[in-house]
């Protein structure tokens, strides 16, 4: 018994992006002339590039939050010590 609800995609249905944007992706032909950074990004899978950028953003946010927390803690301690003096 076969499942009539599941259809295998045809190759013409799957490859619509390449057909639509093939004229805009012409820069890949000149990859040897590109800068080192562009070659590095093209040589790796794009998911690793996205992962790297997102990790940089998360570590920056974490650093900022720790820094702000230390400053707020210092201000709270200064306020508490001034209240004790009075």
PDB file of N, CA and C in Angstrom:
ATOM      1  N   UNK A   1       0.839  -1.182   0.000  1.00  0.00           N
ATOM      2  CA  UNK A   1       0.000   0.000   0.000  1.00  0.00           C
ATOM      3  C   UNK A   1       0.881   1.241   0.000  1.00  0.00           C
ATOM      4  N   UNK A   2       0.633   2.125  -0.907  1.00  0.00           N
ATOM      5  CA  UNK A   2       1.426   3.350  -0.985  1.00  0.00           C
ATOM      6  C   UNK A   2       0.645   4.501  -0.390  1.00  0.00           C
ATOM      7  N   UNK A   3       1.384   5.475   0.059  1.00  0.00           N
ATOM      8  CA  UNK A   3       0.761   6.662   0.639  1.00  0.00           C
ATOM      9  C   UNK A   3       0.514   7.663  -0.480  1.00  0.00           C
ATOM     10  N   UNK A   4      -0.740   7.944  -0.758  1.00  0.00           N
ATOM     11  CA  UNK A   4      -1.090   8.838  -1.858  1.00  0.00           C
ATOM     12  C   UNK A   4      -0.897  10.313  -1.498  1.00  0.00           C
ATOM     13  N   UNK A   5      -0.740  10.606  -0.210  1.00  0.00           N
ATOM     14  CA  UNK A   5      -0.627  11.997   0.210  1.00  0.00           C
ATOM     15  C   UNK A   5       0.776  12.557   0.046  1.00  0.00           C
ATOM     16  N   UNK A   6       1.767  11.715   0.012  1.00  0.00           N
ATOM     17  CA  UNK A   6       3.147  12.170  -0.104  1.00  0.00           C
ATOM     18  C   UNK A   6       3.572  12.066  -1.559  1.00  0.00           C
ATOM     19  N   UNK A   7       3.956  13.178  -2.122  1.00  0.00           N
ATOM     20  CA  UNK A   7       4.423  13.202  -3.496  1.00  0.00           C
ATOM     21  C   UNK A   7       5.910  13.506  -3.515  1.00  0.00           C
ATOM     22  N   UNK A   8       6.590  12.871  -4.402  1.00  0.00           N
ATOM     23  CA  UNK A   8       8.003  13.161  -4.587  1.00  0.00           C
ATOM     24  C   UNK A   8       8.125  14.471  -5.360  1.00  0.00           C
ATOM     25  N   UNK A   9       8.982  15.392  -4.910  1.00  0.00           N
ATOM     26  CA  UNK A   9       9.131  16.650  -5.654  1.00  0.00           C
ATOM     27  C   UNK A   9       9.851  16.411  -6.978  1.00  0.00           C
ATOM     28  N   UNK A  10       9.404  17.100  -7.961  1.00  0.00           N
ATOM     29  CA  UNK A  10      10.053  17.014  -9.261  1.00  0.00           C
ATOM     30  C   UNK A  10      11.278  17.905  -9.264  1.00  0.00           C
ATOM     31  N   UNK A  11      12.250  17.573 -10.049  1.00  0.00           N
ATOM     32  CA  UNK A  11      13.481  18.354 -10.076  1.00  0.00           C
ATOM     33  C   UNK A  11      13.222  19.774 -10.552  1.00  0.00           C
ATOM     34  N   UNK A  12      12.219  19.989 -11.364  1.00  0.00           N
ATOM     35  CA  UNK A  12      11.909  21.344 -11.814  1.00  0.00           C
ATOM     36  C   UNK A  12      11.294  22.170 -10.695  1.00  0.00           C
ATOM     37  N   UNK A  13      10.603  21.519  -9.748  1.00  0.00           N
ATOM     38  CA  UNK A  13      10.017  22.232  -8.615  1.00  0.00           C
ATOM     39  C   UNK A  13      11.067  22.602  -7.582  1.00  0.00           C
ATOM     40  N   UNK A  14      12.057  21.777  -7.423  1.00  0.00           N
ATOM     41  CA  UNK A  14      13.057  21.979  -6.380  1.00  0.00           C
ATOM     42  C   UNK A  14      14.044  23.074  -6.753  1.00  0.00           C
ATOM     43  N   UNK A  15      14.418  23.199  -7.986  1.00  0.00           N
ATOM     44  CA  UNK A  15      15.500  24.081  -8.410  1.00  0.00           C
ATOM     45  C   UNK A  15      14.994  25.418  -8.959  1.00  0.00           C
ATOM     46  N   UNK A  16      13.959  25.975  -8.352  1.00  0.00           N
ATOM     47  CA  UNK A  16      13.412  27.237  -8.868  1.00  0.00           C
ATOM     48  C   UNK A  16      14.276  28.427  -8.492  1.00  0.00           C
ATOM     49  N   UNK A  17      14.970  28.385  -7.371  1.00  0.00           N
ATOM     50  CA  UNK A  17      15.801  29.523  -6.962  1.00  0.00           C
ATOM     51  C   UNK A  17      16.979  29.714  -7.894  1.00  0.00           C
ATOM     52  N   UNK A  18      17.588  28.626  -8.284  1.00  0.00           N
ATOM     53  CA  UNK A  18      18.736  28.739  -9.178  1.00  0.00           C
ATOM     54  C   UNK A  18      18.324  29.336 -10.509  1.00  0.00           C
ATOM     55  N   UNK A  19      17.182  28.937 -11.000  1.00  0.00           N
ATOM     56  CA  UNK A  19      16.710  29.493 -12.264  1.00  0.00           C
ATOM     57  C   UNK A  19      16.338  30.966 -12.119  1.00  0.00           C
ATOM     58  N   UNK A  20      15.757  31.323 -10.992  1.00  0.00           N
ATOM     59  CA  UNK A  20      15.304  32.702 -10.799  1.00  0.00           C
ATOM     60  C   UNK A  20      16.462  33.678 -10.600  1.00  0.00           C
ATOM     61  N   UNK A  21      17.486  33.236  -9.884  1.00  0.00           N
ATOM     62  CA  UNK A  21      18.560  34.150  -9.509  1.00  0.00           C
ATOM     63  C   UNK A  21      19.895  33.828 -10.175  1.00  0.00           C
ATOM     64  N   UNK A  22      19.904  33.010 -11.185  1.00  0.00           N
ATOM     65  CA  UNK A  22      21.170  32.610 -11.793  1.00  0.00           C
ATOM     66  C   UNK A  22      21.916  33.787 -12.410  1.00  0.00           C
ATOM     67  N   UNK A  23      21.210  34.780 -12.923  1.00  0.00           N
ATOM     68  CA  UNK A  23      21.898  35.942 -13.499  1.00  0.00           C
ATOM     69  C   UNK A  23      22.477  36.844 -12.415  1.00  0.00           C
ATOM     70  N   UNK A  24      21.951  36.801 -11.201  1.00  0.00           N
ATOM     71  CA  UNK A  24      22.450  37.638 -10.113  1.00  0.00           C
ATOM     72  C   UNK A  24      23.604  36.982  -9.365  1.00  0.00           C
ATOM     73  N   UNK A  25      23.828  35.697  -9.546  1.00  0.00           N
ATOM     74  CA  UNK A  25      24.903  34.990  -8.868  1.00  0.00           C
ATOM     75  C   UNK A  25      26.122  34.852  -9.763  1.00  0.00           C
ATOM     76  N   UNK A  26      26.272  35.722 -10.697  1.00  0.00           N
ATOM     77  CA  UNK A  26      27.389  35.648 -11.629  1.00  0.00           C
ATOM     78  C   UNK A  26      28.730  35.958 -11.006  1.00  0.00           C
ATOM     79  N   UNK A  27      28.754  36.535  -9.829  1.00  0.00           N
ATOM     80  CA  UNK A  27      30.013  36.884  -9.178  1.00  0.00           C
ATOM     81  C   UNK A  27      30.788  35.653  -8.726  1.00  0.00           C
ATOM     82  N   UNK A  28      30.135  34.539  -8.599  1.00  0.00           N
ATOM     83  CA  UNK A  28      30.830  33.322  -8.176  1.00  0.00           C
ATOM     84  C   UNK A  28      31.824  32.850  -9.234  1.00  0.00           C
ATOM     85  N   UNK A  29      31.669  33.286 -10.471  1.00  0.00           N
ATOM     86  CA  UNK A  29      32.607  32.903 -11.515  1.00  0.00           C
ATOM     87  C   UNK A  29      33.977  33.536 -11.302  1.00  0.00           C
ATOM     88  N   UNK A  30      34.019  34.679 -10.629  1.00  0.00           N
ATOM     89  CA  UNK A  30      35.268  35.419 -10.422  1.00  0.00           C
ATOM     90  C   UNK A  30      35.759  35.283  -8.985  1.00  0.00           C
ATOM     91  N   UNK A  31      35.589  34.114  -8.393  1.00  0.00           N
ATOM     92  CA  UNK A  31      35.941  33.929  -6.985  1.00  0.00           C
ATOM     93  C   UNK A  31      37.443  34.045  -6.755  1.00  0.00           C
ATOM     94  N   UNK A  32      38.263  33.713  -7.730  1.00  0.00           N
ATOM     95  CA  UNK A  32      39.711  33.797  -7.551  1.00  0.00           C
ATOM     96  C   UNK A  32      40.177  35.234  -7.389  1.00  0.00           C
ATOM     97  N   UNK A  33      39.409  36.178  -7.933  1.00  0.00           N
ATOM     98  CA  UNK A  33      39.777  37.592  -7.853  1.00  0.00           C
ATOM     99  C   UNK A  33      39.246  38.257  -6.588  1.00  0.00           C
ATOM    100  N   UNK A  34      38.429  37.564  -5.814  1.00  0.00           N
ATOM    101  CA  UNK A  34      37.813  38.149  -4.628  1.00  0.00           C
ATOM    102  C   UNK A  34      38.840  38.271  -3.510  1.00  0.00           C
ATOM    103  N   UNK A  35      38.503  39.088  -2.519  1.00  0.00           N
ATOM    104  CA  UNK A  35      39.393  39.274  -1.378  1.00  0.00           C
ATOM    105  C   UNK A  35      39.456  38.000  -0.542  1.00  0.00           C
ATOM    106  N   UNK A  36      40.410  37.956   0.350  1.00  0.00           N
ATOM    107  CA  UNK A  36      40.590  36.782   1.191  1.00  0.00           C
ATOM    108  C   UNK A  36      39.403  36.525   2.094  1.00  0.00           C
ATOM    109  N   UNK A  37      38.796  37.593   2.603  1.00  0.00           N
ATOM    110  CA  UNK A  37      37.636  37.446   3.485  1.00  0.00           C
ATOM    111  C   UNK A  37      36.458  36.830   2.738  1.00  0.00           C
ATOM    112  N   UNK A  38      36.221  37.280   1.514  1.00  0.00           N
ATOM    113  CA  UNK A  38      35.120  36.752   0.712  1.00  0.00           C
ATOM    114  C   UNK A  38      35.386  35.295   0.365  1.00  0.00           C
ATOM    115  N   UNK A  39      36.630  34.956   0.058  1.00  0.00           N
ATOM    116  CA  UNK A  39      36.960  33.565  -0.243  1.00  0.00           C
ATOM    117  C   UNK A  39      36.778  32.670   0.984  1.00  0.00           C
ATOM    118  N   UNK A  40      37.139  33.193   2.164  1.00  0.00           N
ATOM    119  CA  UNK A  40      36.957  32.426   3.391  1.00  0.00           C
ATOM    120  C   UNK A  40      35.480  32.166   3.645  1.00  0.00           C
ATOM    121  N   UNK A  41      34.652  33.187   3.475  1.00  0.00           N
ATOM    122  CA  UNK A  41      33.220  33.029   3.701  1.00  0.00           C
ATOM    123  C   UNK A  41      32.606  32.074   2.685  1.00  0.00           C
ATOM    124  N   UNK A  42      33.054  32.110   1.456  1.00  0.00           N
ATOM    125  CA  UNK A  42      32.495  31.239   0.418  1.00  0.00           C
ATOM    126  C   UNK A  42      32.987  29.810   0.571  1.00  0.00           C
ATOM    127  N   UNK A  43      34.183  29.623   1.125  1.00  0.00           N
ATOM    128  CA  UNK A  43      34.712  28.270   1.253  1.00  0.00           C
ATOM    129  C   UNK A  43      34.023  27.502   2.372  1.00  0.00           C
ATOM    130  N   UNK A  44      33.556  28.204   3.400  1.00  0.00           N
ATOM    131  CA  UNK A  44      32.845  27.551   4.505  1.00  0.00           C
ATOM    132  C   UNK A  44      31.363  27.492   4.171  1.00  0.00           C
ATOM    133  N   UNK A  45      30.684  26.589   4.842  1.00  0.00           N
ATOM    134  CA  UNK A  45      29.239  26.571   4.693  1.00  0.00           C
ATOM    135  C   UNK A  45      28.669  27.830   5.320  1.00  0.00           C
ATOM    136  N   UNK A  46      27.605  28.313   4.756  1.00  0.00           N
ATOM    137  CA  UNK A  46      27.017  29.571   5.229  1.00  0.00           C
ATOM    138  C   UNK A  46      26.495  29.453   6.652  1.00  0.00           C
ATOM    139  N   UNK A  47      26.106  28.269   7.079  1.00  0.00           N
ATOM    140  CA  UNK A  47      25.586  28.101   8.435  1.00  0.00           C
ATOM    141  C   UNK A  47      26.670  28.398   9.467  1.00  0.00           C
ATOM    142  N   UNK A  48      27.927  28.087   9.145  1.00  0.00           N
ATOM    143  CA  UNK A  48      29.002  28.379  10.085  1.00  0.00           C
ATOM    144  C   UNK A  48      29.278  29.877  10.160  1.00  0.00           C
ATOM    145  N   UNK A  49      29.082  30.578   9.073  1.00  0.00           N
ATOM    146  CA  UNK A  49      29.233  32.028   9.079  1.00  0.00           C
ATOM    147  C   UNK A  49      28.146  32.650   9.945  1.00  0.00           C
ATOM    148  N   UNK A  50      26.916  32.185   9.784  1.00  0.00           N
ATOM    149  CA  UNK A  50      25.799  32.686  10.592  1.00  0.00           C
ATOM    150  C   UNK A  50      26.025  32.357  12.056  1.00  0.00           C
ATOM    151  N   UNK A  51      26.495  31.148  12.337  1.00  0.00           N
ATOM    152  CA  UNK A  51      26.783  30.762  13.714  1.00  0.00           C
ATOM    153  C   UNK A  51      27.868  31.647  14.322  1.00  0.00           C
ATOM    154  N   UNK A  52      28.916  31.918  13.577  1.00  0.00           N
ATOM    155  CA  UNK A  52      29.987  32.772  14.076  1.00  0.00           C
ATOM    156  C   UNK A  52      29.515  34.181  14.381  1.00  0.00           C
ATOM    157  N   UNK A  53      28.725  34.748  13.494  1.00  0.00           N
ATOM    158  CA  UNK A  53      28.219  36.106  13.712  1.00  0.00           C
ATOM    159  C   UNK A  53      27.283  36.133  14.913  1.00  0.00           C
ATOM    160  N   UNK A  54      26.416  35.134  15.038  1.00  0.00           N
ATOM    161  CA  UNK A  54      25.498  35.121  16.175  1.00  0.00           C
ATOM    162  C   UNK A  54      26.253  34.925  17.493  1.00  0.00           C
ATOM    163  N   UNK A  55      27.319  34.117  17.487  1.00  0.00           N
ATOM    164  CA  UNK A  55      28.118  33.960  18.707  1.00  0.00           C
ATOM    165  C   UNK A  55      28.817  35.252  19.098  1.00  0.00           C
ATOM    166  N   UNK A  56      29.302  35.980  18.123  1.00  0.00           N
ATOM    167  CA  UNK A  56      29.931  37.270  18.411  1.00  0.00           C
ATOM    168  C   UNK A  56      28.914  38.219  19.042  1.00  0.00           C
ATOM    169  N   UNK A  57      27.709  38.245  18.510  1.00  0.00           N
ATOM    170  CA  UNK A  57      26.663  39.111  19.059  1.00  0.00           C
ATOM    171  C   UNK A  57      26.313  38.698  20.483  1.00  0.00           C
ATOM    172  N   UNK A  58      26.134  37.384  20.721  1.00  0.00           N
ATOM    173  CA  UNK A  58      25.787  36.918  22.070  1.00  0.00           C
ATOM    174  C   UNK A  58      26.896  37.201  23.079  1.00  0.00           C
ATOM    175  N   UNK A  59      28.157  36.979  22.708  1.00  0.00           N
ATOM    176  CA  UNK A  59      29.251  37.267  23.638  1.00  0.00           C
ATOM    177  C   UNK A  59      29.378  38.758  23.911  1.00  0.00           C
ATOM    178  N   UNK A  60      29.112  39.588  22.916  1.00  0.00           N
ATOM    179  CA  UNK A  60      29.133  41.038  23.129  1.00  0.00           C
ATOM    180  C   UNK A  60      28.044  41.457  24.099  1.00  0.00           C
ATOM    181  N   UNK A  61      26.842  40.912  23.925  1.00  0.00           N
ATOM    182  CA  UNK A  61      25.750  41.218  24.852  1.00  0.00           C
ATOM    183  C   UNK A  61      26.058  40.739  26.266  1.00  0.00           C
ATOM    184  N   UNK A  62      26.632  39.542  26.380  1.00  0.00           N
ATOM    185  CA  UNK A  62      26.990  39.030  27.691  1.00  0.00           C
ATOM    186  C   UNK A  62      28.039  39.912  28.365  1.00  0.00           C
ATOM    187  N   UNK A  63      29.060  40.327  27.619  1.00  0.00           N
ATOM    188  CA  UNK A  63      30.079  41.216  28.155  1.00  0.00           C
ATOM    189  C   UNK A  63      29.464  42.538  28.617  1.00  0.00           C
ATOM    190  N   UNK A  64      28.559  43.090  27.805  1.00  0.00           N
ATOM    191  CA  UNK A  64      27.907  44.347  28.160  1.00  0.00           C
ATOM    192  C   UNK A  64      27.078  44.202  29.430  1.00  0.00           C
ATOM    193  N   UNK A  65      26.326  43.105  29.548  1.00  0.00           N
ATOM    194  CA  UNK A  65      25.497  42.902  30.738  1.00  0.00           C
ATOM    195  C   UNK A  65      26.343  42.729  31.996  1.00  0.00           C
ATOM    196  N   UNK A  66      27.441  42.001  31.902  1.00  0.00           N
ATOM    197  CA  UNK A  66      28.319  41.822  33.063  1.00  0.00           C
ATOM    198  C   UNK A  66      28.924  43.157  33.460  1.00  0.00           C
ATOM    199  N   UNK A  67      29.319  43.940  32.488  1.00  0.00           N
ATOM    200  CA  UNK A  67      29.914  45.247  32.772  1.00  0.00           C
ATOM    201  C   UNK A  67      28.904  46.185  33.445  1.00  0.00           C
ATOM    202  N   UNK A  68      27.684  46.205  32.931  1.00  0.00           N
ATOM    203  CA  UNK A  68      26.646  47.059  33.517  1.00  0.00           C
ATOM    204  C   UNK A  68      26.303  46.571  34.923  1.00  0.00           C
ATOM    205  N   UNK A  69      26.249  45.261  35.128  1.00  0.00           N
ATOM    206  CA  UNK A  69      25.950  44.724  36.450  1.00  0.00           C
ATOM    207  C   UNK A  69      27.016  45.123  37.460  1.00  0.00           C
ATOM    208  N   UNK A  70      28.282  45.084  37.061  1.00  0.00           N
ATOM    209  CA  UNK A  70      29.357  45.497  37.976  1.00  0.00           C
ATOM    210  C   UNK A  70      29.247  46.983  38.322  1.00  0.00           C
ATOM    211  N   UNK A  71      28.913  47.797  37.338  1.00  0.00           N
ATOM    212  CA  UNK A  71      28.779  49.234  37.612  1.00  0.00           C
ATOM    213  C   UNK A  71      27.598  49.515  38.534  1.00  0.00           C
ATOM    214  N   UNK A  72      26.490  48.824  38.326  1.00  0.00           N
ATOM    215  CA  UNK A  72      25.321  49.021  39.183  1.00  0.00           C
ATOM    216  C   UNK A  72      25.611  48.547  40.597  1.00  0.00           C
ATOM    217  N   UNK A  73      26.306  47.426  40.726  1.00  0.00           N
ATOM    218  CA  UNK A  73      26.683  46.917  42.053  1.00  0.00           C
ATOM    219  C   UNK A  73      27.582  47.914  42.766  1.00  0.00           C
ATOM    220  N   UNK A  74      28.518  48.504  42.050  1.00  0.00           N
ATOM    221  CA  UNK A  74      29.409  49.506  42.649  1.00  0.00           C
ATOM    222  C   UNK A  74      28.616  50.726  43.107  1.00  0.00           C
ATOM    223  N   UNK A  75      27.677  51.179  42.283  1.00  0.00           N
ATOM    224  CA  UNK A  75      26.844  52.319  42.667  1.00  0.00           C
ATOM    225  C   UNK A  75      25.973  51.993  43.881  1.00  0.00           C
ATOM    226  N   UNK A  76      25.422  50.789  43.936  1.00  0.00           N
ATOM    227  CA  UNK A  76      24.617  50.400  45.092  1.00  0.00           C
ATOM    228  C   UNK A  76      25.466  50.370  46.355  1.00  0.00           C
ATOM    229  N   UNK A  77      26.673  49.851  46.260  1.00  0.00           N
ATOM    230  CA  UNK A  77      27.557  49.824  47.426  1.00  0.00           C
ATOM    231  C   UNK A  77      27.934  51.230  47.872  1.00  0.00           C
ATOM    232  N   UNK A  78      28.181  52.125  46.916  1.00  0.00           N
ATOM    233  CA  UNK A  78      28.489  53.516  47.265  1.00  0.00           C
ATOM    234  C   UNK A  78      27.311  54.182  47.963  1.00  0.00           C
ATOM    235  N   UNK A  79      26.103  53.941  47.463  1.00  0.00           N
ATOM    236  CA  UNK A  79      24.910  54.521  48.097  1.00  0.00           C
ATOM    237  C   UNK A  79      24.703  53.952  49.495  1.00  0.00           C
ATOM    238  N   UNK A  80      24.891  52.671  49.665  1.00  0.00           N
ATOM    239  CA  UNK A  80      24.727  52.060  50.991  1.00  0.00           C
ATOM    240  C   UNK A  80      25.763  52.582  51.977  1.00  0.00           C
ATOM    241  N   UNK A  81      26.981  52.770  51.521  1.00  0.00           N
ATOM    242  CA  UNK A  81      28.016  53.272  52.439  1.00  0.00           C
ATOM    243  C   UNK A  81      27.757  54.731  52.808  1.00  0.00           C
ATOM    244  N   UNK A  82      27.215  55.521  51.887  1.00  0.00           N
ATOM    245  CA  UNK A  82      26.894  56.920  52.203  1.00  0.00           C
ATOM    246  C   UNK A  82      25.705  57.005  53.145  1.00  0.00           C
ATOM    247  N   UNK A  83      24.751  56.094  53.014  1.00  0.00           N
ATOM    248  CA  UNK A  83      23.611  56.080  53.931  1.00  0.00           C
ATOM    249  C   UNK A  83      24.047  55.681  55.341  1.00  0.00           C
ATOM    250  N   UNK A  84      24.998  54.785  55.458  1.00  0.00           N
ATOM    251  CA  UNK A  84      25.500  54.368  56.766  1.00  0.00           C
ATOM    252  C   UNK A  84      26.258  55.489  57.443  1.00  0.00           C
ATOM    253  N   UNK A  85      26.915  56.336  56.669  1.00  0.00           N
ATOM    254  CA  UNK A  85      27.676  57.451  57.251  1.00  0.00           C
ATOM    255  C   UNK A  85      26.744  58.494  57.851  1.00  0.00           C
ATOM    256  N   UNK A  86      25.569  58.631  57.289  1.00  0.00           N
ATOM    257  CA  UNK A  86      24.629  59.638  57.794  1.00  0.00           C
ATOM    258  C   UNK A  86      23.921  59.125  58.977  1.00  0.00           C
TER     259      UNK A  86
END
